[in-house]
Structures are given as C-alpha cells and as structure tokens.
C-alpha cells in the first residue's frame, strides 16, 4: 500500500557504475504485464511487433530527501526492470516499472510506501572491470527473479 504524501518529496543522490540494457521481445509476450490504460510502446519490423525491456543497474550513493545532509543518505545497488509504454493515444511515452531490486532493506521496504518502483530486497554482487565491464549476480529474497 502506498502512502499518499501531501507534497512530492524530491530525492537527491549520486549514481555510479551504471549500465543500461535494452532488449526487444515480441510484444504479445509481455503485453499482459502493463496495466490499463497504458499500452506498450512498440516497433514493427520484419513482420513482428516488438516491445522493449529496459534494465538499469547502478550504484546509488547517499540517497536522501533534498536539503538533508549527504551523511544521512543511504547507499545501495538498484536494478530496475522496466517496459517502454505510452498513453493510448501515443501522446505520452515513458517507462513502467515492473520490479526493482535493492540490496539495502532500508530502501527496499520503505521505498515502496512512497514510490512506484516496486522494490524487493536482494543480494546484489557486482564487479567492475576497468570501468567498462560489469558482471555480477542478483539473488532476490523472494526468489522470483535472478540473474548472473
């Protein structure tokens, strides 16, 4: 259950070691994951209608409400699994969060009360090689999605 806040809370922090992965998938395989009235933002090619996964992997440093000292912020790894979506008339486009994994319980649990990120607590082990190659493993506590 989300808690409606009386006013939006601006959050600040610093991102590092980010990787963005875009994958195409036949639209009919993921259309059921998007709630109405949103629809998939698709592209037709080679006789197929494609939808697009967008997975971002990053390290977040000192995430906190604006005007709060960085020393009080929380740091964590964040992996977000999103689909490209649009309004029914195509006038608005964006990303729909299906799930986020975070390796800090103070983010994973309370974050769902004030955001639509759908956080899940996970063990996230990432290794960075020469600043260009990222490898690792994700093991969510709920066991519903993992990768290595």
Protein backbone atom coordinates (compact mmCIF):
# COMPACT_ATOMS: atom_id res chain seq x y z
CA UNK A 1 0.00 0.00 0.00
CA UNK A 2 1.39 3.40 -0.97
CA UNK A 3 1.14 6.32 1.40
CA UNK A 4 -0.10 9.44 -0.41
CA UNK A 5 2.22 12.26 0.54
CA UNK A 6 0.87 15.81 0.97
CA UNK A 7 3.56 17.08 -1.40
CA UNK A 8 6.17 15.40 -3.59
CA UNK A 9 9.48 14.72 -1.90
CA UNK A 10 12.50 15.47 -4.09
CA UNK A 11 15.26 12.96 -3.58
CA UNK A 12 18.94 13.51 -4.33
CA UNK A 13 21.92 11.21 -4.51
CA UNK A 14 24.75 10.28 -6.83
CA UNK A 15 24.76 7.45 -9.36
CA UNK A 16 27.86 5.48 -10.30
CA UNK A 17 28.73 2.33 -12.17
CA UNK A 18 25.59 2.42 -14.30
CA UNK A 19 24.70 0.01 -17.06
CA UNK A 20 21.61 0.26 -19.24
CA UNK A 21 20.45 -2.83 -21.09
CA UNK A 22 17.76 -2.59 -23.77
CA UNK A 23 16.21 -5.77 -25.09
CA UNK A 24 13.46 -6.33 -27.62
CA UNK A 25 10.85 -9.03 -27.14
CA UNK A 26 7.71 -9.97 -29.09
CA UNK A 27 5.03 -7.59 -27.79
CA UNK A 28 2.44 -10.34 -27.30
CA UNK A 29 4.72 -12.00 -24.72
CA UNK A 30 4.73 -9.00 -22.34
CA UNK A 31 1.52 -7.06 -23.12
CA UNK A 32 -0.25 -8.63 -20.12
CA UNK A 33 2.34 -7.07 -17.75
CA UNK A 34 1.25 -3.49 -18.45
CA UNK A 35 -1.80 -2.13 -16.59
CA UNK A 36 -4.59 -0.31 -18.41
CA UNK A 37 -4.81 2.38 -19.66
CA UNK A 38 -1.09 2.13 -20.53
CA UNK A 39 -0.08 0.30 -23.70
CA UNK A 40 3.29 -0.93 -24.86
CA UNK A 41 5.42 1.43 -26.94
CA UNK A 42 6.19 -0.91 -29.83
CA UNK A 43 8.01 -1.05 -33.15
CA UNK A 44 7.10 -3.18 -36.16
CA UNK A 45 9.97 -4.85 -38.01
CA UNK A 46 10.31 -7.97 -40.12
CA UNK A 47 6.67 -8.92 -39.70
CA UNK A 48 6.82 -8.79 -35.90
CA UNK A 49 5.63 -6.23 -33.33
CA UNK A 50 8.35 -5.67 -30.73
CA UNK A 51 8.21 -4.33 -27.18
CA UNK A 52 11.28 -3.13 -25.31
CA UNK A 53 12.65 -4.10 -21.92
CA UNK A 54 14.87 -1.55 -20.25
CA UNK A 55 17.01 -2.81 -17.37
CA UNK A 56 19.22 -0.39 -15.46
CA UNK A 57 21.88 -1.49 -13.00
CA UNK A 58 23.53 1.18 -10.86
CA UNK A 59 25.09 2.08 -7.56
CA UNK A 60 23.25 4.87 -5.72
CA UNK A 61 25.25 6.89 -3.18
CA UNK A 62 23.74 8.90 -0.29
CA UNK A 63 20.09 8.86 -1.48
CA UNK A 64 18.11 11.24 0.72
CA UNK A 65 15.44 13.94 0.67
CA UNK A 66 16.68 17.23 -0.75
CA UNK A 67 18.07 19.56 1.96
CA UNK A 68 19.22 16.55 4.04
CA UNK A 69 22.98 16.17 4.61
CA UNK A 70 24.67 13.53 2.45
CA UNK A 71 25.97 11.83 5.61
CA UNK A 72 22.36 10.85 6.41
CA UNK A 73 21.75 9.33 2.97
CA UNK A 74 21.53 5.64 2.13
CA UNK A 75 23.70 3.87 -0.44
CA UNK A 76 22.66 0.76 -2.34
CA UNK A 77 22.68 -1.10 -5.63
CA UNK A 78 19.50 -0.65 -7.65
CA UNK A 79 18.35 -2.81 -10.54
CA UNK A 80 15.15 -1.69 -12.25
CA UNK A 81 13.21 -3.82 -14.75
CA UNK A 82 11.02 -1.63 -16.94
CA UNK A 83 8.98 -1.74 -20.12
CA UNK A 84 8.60 1.14 -22.55
CA UNK A 85 4.96 2.30 -22.51
CA UNK A 86 2.73 5.06 -23.81
CA UNK A 87 -0.72 6.53 -23.35
CA UNK A 88 -3.46 5.03 -25.55
CA UNK A 89 -3.26 7.96 -27.99
CA UNK A 90 0.56 7.87 -28.06
CA UNK A 91 0.89 11.45 -26.82
CA UNK A 92 2.85 10.45 -23.67
CA UNK A 93 5.69 7.93 -23.51
CA UNK A 94 7.69 6.62 -20.60
CA UNK A 95 8.82 3.61 -18.60
CA UNK A 96 6.66 1.33 -16.47
CA UNK A 97 8.49 -0.24 -13.50
CA UNK A 98 7.66 -3.91 -13.17
CA UNK A 99 10.15 -4.51 -10.39
CA UNK A 100 13.22 -3.09 -8.70
CA UNK A 101 15.81 -4.98 -6.70
CA UNK A 102 17.82 -3.21 -3.98
CA UNK A 103 20.42 -4.54 -1.57
CA UNK A 104 19.54 -2.26 1.34
CA UNK A 105 16.49 -3.17 3.46
CA UNK A 106 16.05 0.48 4.49
CA UNK A 107 15.41 1.29 0.82
CA UNK A 108 13.63 -1.90 -0.28
CA UNK A 109 10.84 -1.91 2.27
CA UNK A 110 10.04 1.77 2.99
CA UNK A 111 10.71 2.75 -0.63
CA UNK A 112 7.50 1.01 -1.67
CA UNK A 113 5.49 3.22 0.65
CA UNK A 114 6.44 6.40 -1.20
CA UNK A 115 7.32 5.29 -4.74
CA UNK A 116 6.13 3.16 -7.65
CA UNK A 117 9.48 1.40 -8.02
CA UNK A 118 8.21 -1.94 -6.62
CA UNK A 119 11.32 -2.62 -4.56
CA UNK A 120 12.35 -6.11 -3.49
CA UNK A 121 15.24 -6.90 -1.19
CA UNK A 122 18.01 -8.79 -2.99
CA UNK A 123 21.59 -9.84 -2.68
CA UNK A 124 23.41 -7.97 -5.44
CA UNK A 125 27.06 -8.75 -6.14
CA UNK A 126 28.64 -6.59 -8.85
CA UNK A 127 32.21 -6.42 -10.07
CA UNK A 128 33.52 -3.61 -12.25
CA UNK A 129 36.45 -4.28 -14.59
CA UNK A 130 38.46 -1.34 -15.95
CA UNK A 131 35.40 0.87 -15.59
CA UNK A 132 33.82 -0.62 -18.71
CA UNK A 133 32.75 -4.20 -17.97
CA UNK A 134 30.17 -5.07 -15.34
CA UNK A 135 29.49 -8.60 -14.15
CA UNK A 136 27.61 -9.95 -11.21
CA UNK A 137 24.69 -11.79 -9.74
CA UNK A 138 21.28 -10.86 -8.35
CA UNK A 139 19.52 -13.13 -5.86
CA UNK A 140 16.21 -11.65 -4.64
CA UNK A 141 14.95 -12.71 -1.23
CA UNK A 142 11.59 -13.66 -2.79
CA UNK A 143 13.29 -15.91 -5.38
CA UNK A 144 11.15 -14.55 -8.24
CA UNK A 145 13.88 -13.15 -10.49
CA UNK A 146 17.58 -13.81 -10.52
CA UNK A 147 20.44 -13.38 -12.93
CA UNK A 148 24.16 -13.88 -13.13
